[in-house]
Protein backbone atom coordinates (compact mmCIF):
# COMPACT_ATOMS: atom_id res chain seq x y z
CA UNK A 1 47.20 80.57 -229.56
CA UNK A 2 44.36 81.36 -227.52
CA UNK A 3 42.36 78.17 -226.44
CA UNK A 4 39.66 76.96 -225.19
CA UNK A 5 37.49 74.33 -223.86
CA UNK A 6 33.96 74.34 -223.22
CA UNK A 7 31.28 72.65 -221.72
CA UNK A 8 27.78 73.34 -221.66
CA UNK A 9 24.74 71.70 -219.91
CA UNK A 10 27.49 68.86 -218.68
CA UNK A 11 25.37 65.79 -216.69
CA UNK A 12 26.56 62.62 -215.30
CA UNK A 13 24.65 60.48 -213.36
CA UNK A 14 26.21 57.40 -211.33
CA UNK A 15 24.47 54.91 -209.60
CA UNK A 16 20.91 56.42 -209.60
CA UNK A 17 22.60 59.68 -208.48
CA UNK A 18 23.46 62.87 -210.24
CA UNK A 19 27.09 64.05 -209.63
CA UNK A 20 26.46 67.18 -211.57
CA UNK A 21 24.00 68.38 -213.98
CA UNK A 22 23.45 71.31 -216.13
CA UNK A 23 27.05 72.57 -215.76
CA UNK A 24 28.63 75.20 -218.10
CA UNK A 25 32.49 75.52 -217.74
CA UNK A 26 34.86 77.76 -219.56
CA UNK A 27 38.68 77.01 -219.52
CA UNK A 28 40.64 79.66 -221.08
CA UNK A 29 44.42 79.97 -221.89
CA UNK A 30 46.38 81.60 -219.21
CA UNK A 31 44.65 79.95 -216.37
CA UNK A 32 44.79 77.40 -213.74
CA UNK A 33 41.29 76.06 -212.85
CA UNK A 34 40.80 73.77 -209.70
CA UNK A 35 37.86 71.67 -209.69
CA UNK A 36 37.03 71.48 -206.18
CA UNK A 37 34.39 69.33 -203.86
CA UNK A 38 33.92 66.76 -201.29
CA UNK A 39 34.56 63.13 -201.87
CA UNK A 40 32.52 61.48 -204.18
CA UNK A 41 31.09 64.98 -205.80
CA UNK A 42 32.56 63.74 -209.41
CA UNK A 43 35.64 65.57 -209.69
CA UNK A 44 37.76 63.10 -211.33
CA UNK A 45 34.91 61.94 -213.08
CA UNK A 46 34.34 65.48 -214.68
CA UNK A 47 38.24 65.27 -215.47
CA UNK A 48 37.77 62.16 -217.41
CA UNK A 49 35.18 63.46 -219.26
CA UNK A 50 36.85 66.62 -220.11
CA UNK A 51 40.05 64.80 -221.69
CA UNK A 52 38.18 62.74 -223.71
CA UNK A 53 38.00 59.71 -221.67
CA UNK A 54 34.58 58.51 -220.59
CA UNK A 55 31.69 59.14 -223.16
CA UNK A 56 28.66 58.10 -220.71
CA UNK A 57 27.19 62.08 -219.98
CA UNK A 58 24.77 64.36 -221.54
CA UNK A 59 25.89 68.00 -222.73
CA UNK A 60 28.46 69.21 -224.88
CA UNK A 61 31.91 69.92 -225.07
CA UNK A 62 33.96 72.10 -227.41
CA UNK A 63 36.96 73.08 -228.26
CA UNK A 64 38.20 76.42 -229.90
CA UNK A 65 34.30 76.71 -230.65
CA UNK A 66 33.91 73.29 -232.45
CA UNK A 67 32.25 70.48 -231.68
CA UNK A 68 34.42 67.70 -229.90
CA UNK A 69 33.67 65.10 -232.31
CA UNK A 70 34.63 67.61 -235.19
CA UNK A 71 37.97 69.24 -232.95
CA UNK A 72 39.01 65.67 -231.23
CA UNK A 73 42.02 65.06 -233.25
CA UNK A 74 43.55 68.59 -232.70
CA UNK A 75 42.26 68.55 -228.98
CA UNK A 76 44.34 65.60 -228.28
CA UNK A 77 47.12 66.91 -230.25
CA UNK A 78 46.89 69.96 -227.23
CA UNK A 79 46.13 67.64 -224.21
CA UNK A 80 48.48 65.97 -221.52
CA UNK A 81 46.48 64.19 -219.08
CA UNK A 82 48.05 62.96 -215.52
CA UNK A 83 45.65 60.52 -213.63
CA UNK A 84 45.68 59.87 -209.76
CA UNK A 85 48.04 56.80 -210.04
CA UNK A 86 51.39 57.75 -211.44
CA UNK A 87 51.15 54.96 -214.71
CA UNK A 88 54.17 54.26 -214.01
CA UNK A 89 55.71 50.44 -215.18
CA UNK A 90 57.54 49.03 -212.21
CA UNK A 91 59.49 46.80 -214.66
CA UNK A 92 60.94 50.01 -216.57
CA UNK A 93 63.75 52.51 -215.01
CA UNK A 94 62.31 56.24 -215.03
CA UNK A 95 64.53 56.93 -218.52
CA UNK A 96 62.29 54.03 -220.22
CA UNK A 97 59.12 55.06 -218.81
CA UNK A 98 59.18 58.73 -220.20
CA UNK A 99 60.54 57.14 -223.89
CA UNK A 100 57.26 54.75 -223.42
CA UNK A 101 55.27 57.76 -222.86
CA UNK A 102 56.77 59.56 -225.48
CA UNK A 103 56.16 56.51 -227.70
CA UNK A 104 52.41 56.12 -226.81
CA UNK A 105 52.17 59.77 -227.59
CA UNK A 106 53.43 59.99 -231.26
CA UNK A 107 56.26 62.04 -230.05
CA UNK A 108 59.75 62.13 -230.82
CA UNK A 109 62.40 62.45 -228.07
CA UNK A 110 65.98 62.12 -227.35
CA UNK A 111 67.45 60.57 -224.08
CA UNK A 112 68.90 64.45 -223.26
CA UNK A 113 65.90 65.63 -222.94
CA UNK A 114 64.51 62.73 -220.72
CA UNK A 115 67.27 63.21 -218.33
CA UNK A 116 66.74 66.98 -218.69
CA UNK A 117 63.22 66.15 -217.57
CA UNK A 118 64.42 63.68 -214.47
CA UNK A 119 66.71 66.36 -213.48
CA UNK A 120 64.21 68.76 -213.17
CA UNK A 121 61.90 66.85 -211.12
CA UNK A 122 64.67 66.09 -208.57
CA UNK A 123 65.62 62.59 -210.32
CA UNK A 124 68.97 63.13 -211.01
CA UNK A 125 70.96 59.48 -210.16
CA UNK A 126 67.94 57.66 -210.62
CA UNK A 127 67.31 57.42 -214.17
CA UNK A 128 68.12 53.99 -214.78
CA UNK A 129 66.91 52.64 -211.44
CA UNK A 130 63.87 50.11 -211.67
CA UNK A 131 60.55 52.27 -210.98
CA UNK A 132 59.31 49.51 -208.69
CA UNK A 133 62.44 49.93 -206.07
CA UNK A 134 61.15 53.98 -206.59
CA UNK A 135 59.11 55.58 -203.05
CA UNK A 136 55.85 56.57 -203.94
CA UNK A 137 57.18 60.34 -204.55
CA UNK A 138 59.76 59.60 -206.73
CA UNK A 139 57.48 57.44 -208.81
CA UNK A 140 54.90 60.43 -208.64
CA UNK A 141 58.10 62.56 -209.88
CA UNK A 142 58.64 60.35 -212.89
CA UNK A 143 55.37 60.98 -214.16
CA UNK A 144 55.46 64.79 -213.68
CA UNK A 145 58.56 64.40 -215.68
CA UNK A 146 56.02 64.17 -218.43
CA UNK A 147 55.02 68.14 -217.75
CA UNK A 148 58.62 69.27 -218.84
CA UNK A 149 59.16 66.90 -221.54
CA UNK A 150 56.33 67.09 -223.48
CA UNK A 151 55.14 70.39 -225.27
CA UNK A 152 51.39 70.36 -224.68
CA UNK A 153 49.07 73.68 -223.89
CA UNK A 154 46.01 71.99 -221.67
CA UNK A 155 47.14 69.52 -218.60
CA UNK A 156 44.60 68.13 -216.80
CA UNK A 157 45.91 66.91 -213.53
CA UNK A 158 44.32 64.66 -210.88
CA UNK A 159 45.68 65.19 -207.55
CA UNK A 160 49.46 65.86 -208.81
CA UNK A 161 50.75 66.85 -205.68
CA UNK A 162 49.92 63.34 -203.92
CA UNK A 163 53.13 61.84 -202.48
CA UNK A 164 55.18 64.70 -203.37
CA UNK A 165 57.43 66.59 -200.46
CA UNK A 166 57.27 70.37 -199.73
CA UNK A 167 60.24 70.77 -202.04
CA UNK A 168 58.47 69.44 -204.61
CA UNK A 169 55.17 70.81 -204.23
CA UNK A 170 56.85 74.50 -204.31
CA UNK A 171 58.30 73.42 -207.23
CA UNK A 172 55.16 72.29 -209.22
CA UNK A 173 52.89 75.18 -208.20
CA UNK A 174 55.60 77.45 -209.85
CA UNK A 175 55.62 75.23 -212.96
CA UNK A 176 51.57 74.99 -213.27
CA UNK A 177 51.77 79.19 -212.52
CA UNK A 178 54.50 79.28 -215.57
CA UNK A 179 52.47 77.30 -217.61
CA UNK A 180 49.38 79.28 -217.51
CA UNK A 181 51.17 82.74 -217.61
CA UNK A 182 53.37 81.73 -220.82
CA UNK A 183 49.64 81.08 -222.29
CA UNK A 184 48.90 77.32 -221.15
CA UNK A 185 45.64 75.65 -219.48
CA UNK A 186 45.72 73.34 -216.36
CA UNK A 187 42.77 71.88 -215.34
CA UNK A 188 43.90 70.39 -211.82
CA UNK A 189 41.65 68.55 -208.92
CA UNK A 190 44.06 68.73 -205.45
CA UNK A 191 43.69 68.58 -201.95
CA UNK A 192 46.67 70.50 -201.19
CA UNK A 193 46.06 74.06 -200.70
CA UNK A 194 47.24 76.42 -204.10
CA UNK A 195 48.56 79.44 -203.23
CA UNK A 196 46.38 82.37 -204.33
CA UNK A 197 47.01 83.94 -207.77
CA UNK A 198 45.68 85.83 -210.48
CA UNK A 199 46.10 82.67 -212.80
CA UNK A 200 43.76 80.74 -210.20
CA UNK A 201 40.30 79.76 -210.35
CA UNK A 202 38.28 77.76 -208.70
CA UNK A 203 35.01 75.58 -209.92
CA UNK A 204 32.90 74.16 -206.68
CA UNK A 205 31.03 71.01 -207.37
CA UNK A 206 28.60 69.30 -204.83
């Protein structure tokens, strides 16, 4: 299935200052779209607008040619959003966190699948350790395990490489490319210098 997220004449104001205005975007299947710009240019705000979390903006959003207000349910069924913070509950184990994520998303899942997702991000042996005892990088990996566990076509990722070591960075980059090459879409902000590839496109803010 070909997917397309579009923004037309998008504008957002904060503290009497326009972060961006007149912004047109077309995000297609098979792409990694990196949103770039200096701090304060509105990168995170843009991701939250495009993922349906913020409604304080001007302009129109479309999903596969339909206005977002009509296509919202189908859009959300295809969306995986990971924010700047890992969003991991400290009192739950990695396995319990993944089960919690799936329950929130209305997804059915199995413990073996969750264990496999954690192993894929290098957390084999840490499945039952309280997340609050894990390092920042390990907590980030718990969140990133959702990329393996959840079958969503559109990934919206805000600084996913934060606190990840060099080996983890390389694995995550490869995962993003593989997702795009398999027909998915990735929309990402990052301070990490992504390796150039045919599926990578850049959009500058500010």
